[in-house]
Protein backbone atom coordinates (compact mmCIF):
# COMPACT_ATOMS: atom_id res chain seq x y z
CA MET A 1 82.40 60.68 291.08
CA THR A 2 82.10 61.21 294.82
CA PRO A 3 82.95 64.65 296.28
CA PRO A 4 85.13 63.26 299.12
CA PHE A 5 87.50 61.67 296.64
CA ARG A 6 87.80 64.91 294.64
CA SER A 7 89.03 66.53 297.84
CA LEU A 8 91.45 63.72 298.54
CA LEU A 9 93.03 63.84 295.12
CA ALA A 10 93.18 67.59 295.15
CA HIS A 11 95.17 67.28 298.36
CA LEU A 12 97.36 64.42 297.16
CA LEU A 13 98.08 65.46 293.62
CA ALA A 14 97.80 69.24 293.60
CA GLY A 15 99.98 70.69 290.93
CA VAL A 16 100.53 67.27 289.33
CA ALA A 17 99.87 66.94 285.63
CA LEU A 18 97.96 63.72 286.14
CA ALA A 19 95.42 65.09 288.61
CA THR A 20 92.68 64.68 286.01
CA ALA A 21 93.59 61.04 285.49
CA SER A 22 93.59 60.35 289.21
CA ILE A 23 90.17 61.95 289.63
CA ALA A 24 88.83 59.64 286.94
CA TRP A 25 90.32 56.75 288.97
CA ALA A 26 87.46 57.08 291.46
CA GLN A 27 84.48 56.99 289.13
CA ALA A 28 83.55 53.35 289.71
CA PRO A 29 80.55 52.87 292.03
CA ALA A 30 81.15 51.86 295.63
CA PRO A 31 79.62 48.58 296.83
CA GLU A 32 76.19 48.82 298.42
CA THR A 33 77.08 47.02 301.62
CA VAL A 34 79.94 47.49 304.05
CA PRO A 35 81.67 44.23 305.05
CA ALA A 36 81.58 43.98 308.84
CA MET A 37 85.30 43.30 308.95
CA VAL A 38 86.13 46.80 307.70
CA ALA A 39 83.37 48.86 309.31
CA GLU A 40 85.75 50.84 311.51
CA SER A 41 86.85 54.40 312.04
CA PRO A 42 88.90 56.14 309.33
CA ASP A 43 92.00 56.47 311.52
CA SER A 44 92.80 52.80 310.85
CA GLY A 45 94.55 52.05 314.16
CA THR A 46 96.82 49.54 312.46
CA MET A 47 99.11 49.05 315.45
CA LYS A 48 96.16 48.26 317.72
CA ARG A 49 94.45 45.94 315.23
CA ALA A 50 97.47 44.00 313.95
CA ASP A 51 98.12 40.59 315.43
CA LYS A 52 101.28 40.16 317.50
CA ASP A 53 103.38 38.74 314.65
CA MET A 54 102.40 41.47 312.22
CA LEU A 55 102.88 44.13 314.87
CA ARG A 56 106.51 43.10 315.36
CA VAL A 57 107.16 43.51 311.64
CA LEU A 58 105.55 46.96 311.52
CA GLU A 59 107.39 48.18 314.60
CA THR A 60 110.69 46.94 313.18
CA MET A 61 110.03 48.67 309.86
CA GLN A 62 109.55 51.93 311.74
CA ALA A 63 112.71 51.35 313.75
CA LEU A 64 114.64 50.78 310.51
CA GLY A 65 113.47 54.16 309.23
CA ALA A 66 110.62 53.33 306.86
CA LYS A 67 108.41 56.34 306.10
CA PRO A 68 105.00 56.64 304.42
CA ILE A 69 105.45 55.98 300.71
CA GLU A 70 103.57 59.13 299.72
CA SER A 71 106.18 61.22 301.56
CA ARG A 72 109.07 59.80 299.54
CA THR A 73 110.55 60.37 296.14
CA VAL A 74 110.51 57.42 293.76
CA GLU A 75 114.14 56.63 294.49
CA GLU A 76 113.61 56.91 298.25
CA ALA A 77 110.56 54.66 298.10
CA ARG A 78 112.50 52.08 296.12
CA THR A 79 115.36 51.95 298.59
CA GLN A 80 113.72 52.41 301.99
CA PRO A 81 113.26 49.46 304.40
CA SER A 82 110.64 46.91 303.34
CA PRO A 83 108.68 44.33 305.34
CA GLY A 84 111.25 41.78 304.16
CA ASP A 85 114.03 43.89 305.66
CA ALA A 86 112.11 43.93 308.92
CA VAL A 87 111.84 40.14 308.87
CA ARG A 88 115.59 39.77 308.37
CA ALA A 89 116.25 42.18 311.24
CA LEU A 90 113.92 40.24 313.53
CA LEU A 91 115.56 36.94 312.64
CA LYS A 92 119.02 38.32 313.32
CA ALA A 93 117.82 39.68 316.67
CA GLU A 94 116.71 36.13 317.53
CA GLY A 95 120.16 34.79 316.60
CA LYS A 96 118.97 33.22 313.35
CA ASP A 97 120.72 33.48 309.99
CA PRO A 98 118.24 34.57 307.26
CA VAL A 99 120.51 33.29 304.50
CA ALA A 100 120.82 29.86 306.14
CA LEU A 101 117.05 29.66 306.59
CA MET A 102 116.51 30.39 302.91
CA ALA A 103 119.09 27.77 301.94
CA ALA A 104 117.33 25.22 304.15
CA MET A 105 114.26 25.50 301.94
CA LYS A 106 116.16 23.56 299.27
CA VAL A 107 115.04 25.74 296.38
CA SER A 108 117.61 26.53 293.69
CA LYS A 109 117.39 29.62 291.53
CA LYS A 110 118.56 30.74 288.13
CA ASP A 111 118.37 34.20 286.57
CA MET A 112 117.34 34.53 282.93
CA THR A 113 115.71 37.11 280.64
CA TYR A 114 112.66 37.16 278.41
CA PRO A 115 112.05 39.36 275.35
CA ILE A 116 109.80 42.42 275.37
CA SER A 117 109.22 45.07 272.75
CA GLY A 118 112.55 46.81 272.27
CA GLY A 119 114.59 44.77 274.74
CA THR A 120 114.53 42.20 277.52
CA GLN A 121 113.48 41.95 281.16
CA PRO A 122 114.82 39.71 283.96
CA LEU A 123 113.09 36.72 285.43
CA ARG A 124 114.18 34.26 288.08
CA ILE A 125 113.44 30.54 288.00
CA TYR A 126 112.99 28.79 291.37
CA MET A 127 113.27 25.00 291.34
CA PRO A 128 112.40 22.83 294.38
CA GLU A 129 115.27 20.42 294.94
CA GLY A 130 114.59 16.71 295.35
CA SER A 131 111.30 16.98 293.49
CA GLY A 132 111.77 13.72 291.61
CA SER A 133 111.91 12.98 287.91
CA GLY A 134 109.64 14.28 285.21
CA PRO A 135 108.63 17.82 284.31
CA LEU A 136 107.19 19.96 287.11
CA PRO A 137 104.20 22.29 286.94
CA VAL A 138 105.00 25.99 286.65
CA VAL A 139 103.75 29.08 288.46
CA VAL A 140 104.36 32.42 286.73
CA TYR A 141 104.59 34.88 289.63
CA TYR A 142 104.28 38.68 289.49
CA HIS A 143 105.57 40.78 292.39
CA GLY A 144 103.81 43.79 293.88
CA GLY A 145 104.92 47.37 294.41
CA GLY A 146 102.23 49.49 292.77
CA TRP A 147 103.95 49.06 289.37
CA VAL A 148 106.56 51.53 290.68
CA ILE A 149 108.72 49.98 293.43
CA ALA A 150 110.10 46.55 294.46
CA ASP A 151 111.78 43.82 292.41
CA LEU A 152 112.56 40.11 292.28
CA ASP A 153 114.64 40.28 295.46
CA THR A 154 111.95 42.11 297.44
CA TYR A 155 109.45 39.30 296.90
CA GLU A 156 111.83 36.34 296.83
CA ALA A 157 110.39 34.78 300.00
CA SER A 158 106.94 34.46 298.40
CA ALA A 159 108.31 32.86 295.23
CA MET A 160 110.48 30.39 297.13
CA ALA A 161 107.64 29.41 299.46
CA LEU A 162 105.31 28.68 296.54
CA ALA A 163 108.00 26.62 294.82
CA ARG A 164 108.62 24.48 297.90
CA LYS A 165 105.03 24.11 299.09
CA ALA A 166 103.39 23.58 295.69
CA ASN A 167 106.29 21.42 294.45
CA ALA A 168 106.39 23.56 291.33
CA ILE A 169 108.83 25.66 289.37
CA VAL A 170 108.13 29.31 290.07
CA VAL A 171 109.13 31.85 287.43
CA SER A 172 109.26 35.24 289.13
CA VAL A 173 108.86 38.00 286.56
CA GLU A 174 110.37 41.46 286.49
CA TYR A 175 108.61 44.05 284.36
CA ARG A 176 109.06 47.67 283.37
CA HIS A 177 108.20 50.10 286.16
CA ALA A 178 106.52 53.47 286.21
CA PRO A 179 107.15 56.36 286.13
CA GLU A 180 109.89 55.53 283.62
CA ASN A 181 107.44 53.28 281.74
CA LYS A 182 103.80 54.20 282.21
CA PHE A 183 100.70 52.00 282.04
CA PRO A 184 100.24 49.56 280.32
CA ALA A 185 103.95 48.68 280.03
CA ALA A 186 103.92 46.34 283.03
CA HIS A 187 100.83 44.53 281.73
CA GLU A 188 102.38 44.08 278.30
CA ASP A 189 105.52 42.62 279.88
CA ALA A 190 103.51 40.34 282.14
CA PHE A 191 101.81 38.72 279.15
CA ALA A 192 105.07 38.52 277.21
CA ALA A 193 106.63 36.66 280.14
CA TYR A 194 103.71 34.24 280.34
CA LYS A 195 103.97 33.41 276.64
CA TRP A 196 107.74 32.96 277.02
CA VAL A 197 107.17 30.46 279.81
CA LEU A 198 104.69 28.48 277.70
CA ALA A 199 107.21 28.31 274.88
CA ASN A 200 110.27 27.56 277.02
CA ALA A 201 109.06 25.61 280.07
CA GLY A 202 110.51 22.37 278.75
CA GLN A 203 114.00 23.88 278.68
CA PHE A 204 114.06 24.35 282.46
CA GLY A 205 112.21 21.20 283.52
CA GLY A 206 108.69 22.62 283.44
CA ASP A 207 105.48 21.13 282.07
CA PRO A 208 103.99 23.62 279.57
CA ALA A 209 100.59 21.96 279.93
CA ARG A 210 100.43 22.84 283.65
CA VAL A 211 101.10 26.55 284.05
CA ALA A 212 99.39 28.77 286.64
CA VAL A 213 99.68 32.48 287.42
CA ALA A 214 100.07 34.18 290.80
CA GLY A 215 100.72 37.68 292.04
CA GLU A 216 100.58 40.03 294.99
CA SER A 217 98.93 43.46 295.03
CA ALA A 218 99.72 45.11 291.67
CA GLY A 219 101.12 41.72 290.68
CA GLY A 220 97.73 40.17 291.44
CA ASN A 221 96.21 42.57 288.96
CA LEU A 222 98.86 41.55 286.42
CA ALA A 223 98.17 37.85 286.96
CA ALA A 224 94.43 38.30 286.40
CA ASN A 225 95.05 40.36 283.29
CA VAL A 226 97.38 37.70 281.90
CA ALA A 227 94.53 35.20 282.17
CA ILE A 228 92.20 37.66 280.40
CA MET A 229 94.73 38.35 277.64
CA ALA A 230 95.32 34.63 277.16
CA ARG A 231 91.58 34.07 276.75
CA ASP A 232 91.15 36.97 274.34
CA GLY A 233 94.26 36.10 272.35
CA ASN A 234 93.50 32.39 272.01
CA VAL A 235 96.60 31.56 274.03
CA GLN A 236 96.70 28.58 276.38
CA ALA A 237 94.93 29.55 279.60
CA PRO A 238 96.53 29.27 283.03
CA VAL A 239 95.18 26.33 285.01
CA HIS A 240 94.70 28.52 288.12
CA MET A 241 95.07 32.07 289.43
CA VAL A 242 96.38 32.93 292.90
CA LEU A 243 95.60 36.59 293.56
CA VAL A 244 96.94 37.92 296.85
CA TYR A 245 95.35 41.23 297.97
CA PRO A 246 95.01 42.19 294.29
CA VAL A 247 94.36 45.64 292.87
CA GLY A 248 90.87 45.02 291.52
CA GLY A 249 89.40 48.41 290.76
CA THR A 250 89.89 52.15 290.52
CA ASP A 251 87.44 53.24 293.21
CA LEU A 252 89.26 54.72 296.20
CA THR A 253 86.02 55.26 298.14
CA THR A 254 85.24 51.61 298.92
CA PRO A 255 84.58 50.63 302.56
CA SER A 256 88.11 49.36 303.08
CA TYR A 257 89.67 52.53 301.66
CA VAL A 258 87.62 54.45 304.24
CA ALA A 259 88.30 52.11 307.17
CA ASN A 260 91.98 51.61 306.32
CA GLN A 261 92.89 54.96 304.81
CA ASN A 262 95.86 55.37 307.17
CA ALA A 263 96.84 51.70 307.32
CA MET A 264 100.44 50.51 307.36
CA PRO A 265 102.42 49.66 305.32
CA LEU A 266 99.95 50.64 302.56
CA SER A 267 97.62 53.61 302.95
CA LYS A 268 95.06 55.33 300.75
CA ALA A 269 97.50 58.21 300.21
CA ALA A 270 100.16 55.73 299.08
CA ILE A 271 97.76 54.39 296.46
CA GLY A 272 97.28 57.96 295.24
CA TRP A 273 101.07 58.24 294.96
CA PHE A 274 101.21 55.06 292.86
CA VAL A 275 98.35 56.30 290.67
CA ASP A 276 100.17 59.54 289.95
CA LYS A 277 103.33 57.70 288.95
CA THR A 278 101.63 55.00 286.87
CA LEU A 279 98.99 56.60 284.66
CA ALA A 280 100.14 58.12 281.38
CA LYS A 281 96.91 59.94 280.51
CA PRO A 282 93.46 60.53 282.05
CA GLU A 283 91.76 57.86 279.95
CA ASP A 284 93.99 55.17 281.50
CA ALA A 285 91.94 55.32 284.69
CA LYS A 286 88.96 53.96 282.73
CA SER A 287 90.77 50.90 281.38
CA PRO A 288 89.16 47.51 282.10
CA MET A 289 92.66 46.29 282.91
CA LEU A 290 92.56 48.46 286.03
CA ASN A 291 88.82 48.03 286.62
CA LEU A 292 88.53 44.28 287.00
CA THR A 293 85.66 44.59 289.47
CA THR A 294 83.46 46.86 287.35
CA MET A 295 84.46 46.90 283.67
CA ALA A 296 86.38 43.71 282.80
CA ASP A 297 84.80 40.62 281.27
CA LEU A 298 85.75 37.76 283.59
CA LYS A 299 83.82 34.96 281.91
CA GLY A 300 85.80 31.90 280.94
CA LEU A 301 88.71 32.55 283.29
CA PRO A 302 90.44 29.74 285.20
CA PRO A 303 89.60 29.01 288.85
CA ALA A 304 90.94 31.54 291.32
CA THR A 305 92.18 31.73 294.89
CA ILE A 306 91.94 35.21 296.41
CA ILE A 307 93.76 35.93 299.66
CA ASN A 308 92.97 39.11 301.57
CA ALA A 309 94.38 40.96 304.57
CA GLU A 310 91.92 42.60 306.95
CA ILE A 311 93.90 45.81 307.56
CA ASP A 312 94.34 46.79 303.95
CA PRO A 313 92.82 49.48 301.70
CA LEU A 314 92.56 46.76 299.03
CA PHE A 315 90.35 44.48 301.13
CA SER A 316 87.18 45.58 299.32
CA ASP A 317 88.90 45.16 295.94
CA GLY A 318 89.45 41.52 296.80
CA THR A 319 85.90 40.86 298.01
CA MET A 320 84.36 42.66 295.03
CA LEU A 321 86.57 40.66 292.67
CA VAL A 322 85.43 37.44 294.33
CA ASP A 323 81.80 38.42 293.73
CA LYS A 324 82.50 39.42 290.12
CA LEU A 325 84.32 36.16 289.38
CA LYS A 326 81.59 34.04 290.92
CA ALA A 327 78.94 35.96 288.99
CA ALA A 328 80.91 35.16 285.82
CA GLY A 329 80.83 31.46 286.66
CA VAL A 330 84.47 31.23 287.78
CA LYS A 331 85.15 28.84 290.66
CA THR A 332 86.69 31.03 293.36
CA THR A 333 88.13 30.40 296.81
CA HIS A 334 88.37 33.38 299.16
CA VAL A 335 90.23 33.62 302.47
CA THR A 336 90.73 36.70 304.65
CA TYR A 337 93.26 36.89 307.50
CA LYS A 338 92.27 39.03 310.47
CA GLY A 339 94.98 41.12 312.04
CA MET A 340 97.05 40.97 308.85
CA THR A 341 98.12 43.93 306.74
CA HIS A 342 99.13 44.37 303.13
CA GLU A 343 102.40 42.54 302.31
CA PHE A 344 101.97 39.80 304.94
CA PHE A 345 102.02 36.87 302.50
CA GLY A 346 105.80 36.58 302.15
CA LEU A 347 106.62 37.08 305.85
CA ASP A 348 106.28 33.42 306.86
CA ALA A 349 109.61 33.37 308.70
CA VAL A 350 108.05 35.41 311.52
CA VAL A 351 104.29 35.63 310.77
CA ALA A 352 102.28 32.46 311.41
CA ASP A 353 99.31 33.49 309.24
CA ALA A 354 101.65 33.95 306.27
CA LYS A 355 102.52 30.26 306.48
CA THR A 356 98.84 29.38 306.56
CA ALA A 357 98.05 31.61 303.59
CA GLN A 358 100.89 30.08 301.60
CA ASP A 359 99.58 26.62 302.44
CA VAL A 360 96.15 27.60 301.07
CA ALA A 361 97.69 28.88 297.85
CA ALA A 362 99.87 25.78 297.47
CA ARG A 363 96.93 23.45 298.16
CA ASP A 364 94.82 25.04 295.42
CA LEU A 365 97.71 25.11 292.97
CA LYS A 366 98.50 21.44 293.53
CA ALA A 367 94.84 20.55 293.06
CA ALA A 368 94.74 22.48 289.78
CA PHE A 369 97.94 20.87 288.55
CA GLY A 370 96.66 17.42 289.51
CA ALA A 371 93.37 17.98 287.73
CA ARG A 372 95.18 18.96 284.55
């Protein structure tokens, strides 16, 4: 483990019972080369590097009162302004009705539940209207939030966009959150939801033979793990994986963690906050489920599309995961958006690159569905 990260965690998690687990989080080796796109100074300079669309969102978040996640309690972090709130504020300032814009997408939604051990969890089914007859392909979508914050509503724009653009039913999955339910509760729920969709797709107009997975950030990690669990459990594999700035490893000393340690809206310190809330015991930091880039077996997984943001501590996670997937023989598409930050994917109402990224994801999903 590298000495700089010991110092970081000592600063972040002093006095916390899981300090040992968080130290173990950094034991994976850093990549040998530094991608040119992230070879910058450690102060991040997000506001100077962000493109004009992304900058407006970040400035509006600040104006609404958003604070660094690591400075908040769990409840405060769950209720403070999000990038989606900033988008709605910007639209209203331009005289546009966010609700009317969502309705114009012509995507209906229905709330349901799926069974987990000891109870149920919510999910939301998004159906593109006017999609014609016959069963539609299905995307099982997992939202982000570091396994601690956010919910179906927070990431609704992403799910609706994928439904409309991929002409597919999107099942957006809620899962148990930490710290109330520690790792691997969210991963267990994610797989339970996937199996529920396979068994029940026909009941809501879906084609169980054409099911893909998608996720953002922590949700990207969940989506990849669902594909791994399906392979290992002899369960039908997803036809494709869309992984948007996924959590790929447990090394917080990668080039992008250094270059973007103070990035907005996700910083290195915020990741440390999520780590503290999520891990149940020190050994959890060594799990292959959290170490996709260094410890997981990725052979035999379905094709993947990985979408990265330049100004993001997780940028290196994405690039390392691309390399690991390709080395395992998995067909992988990789796109990085300069001037974009973490959480940009669902901000298409005001961020042009979000529309483009969604189009890339939809294109690859449609190709996978057509091939099947």
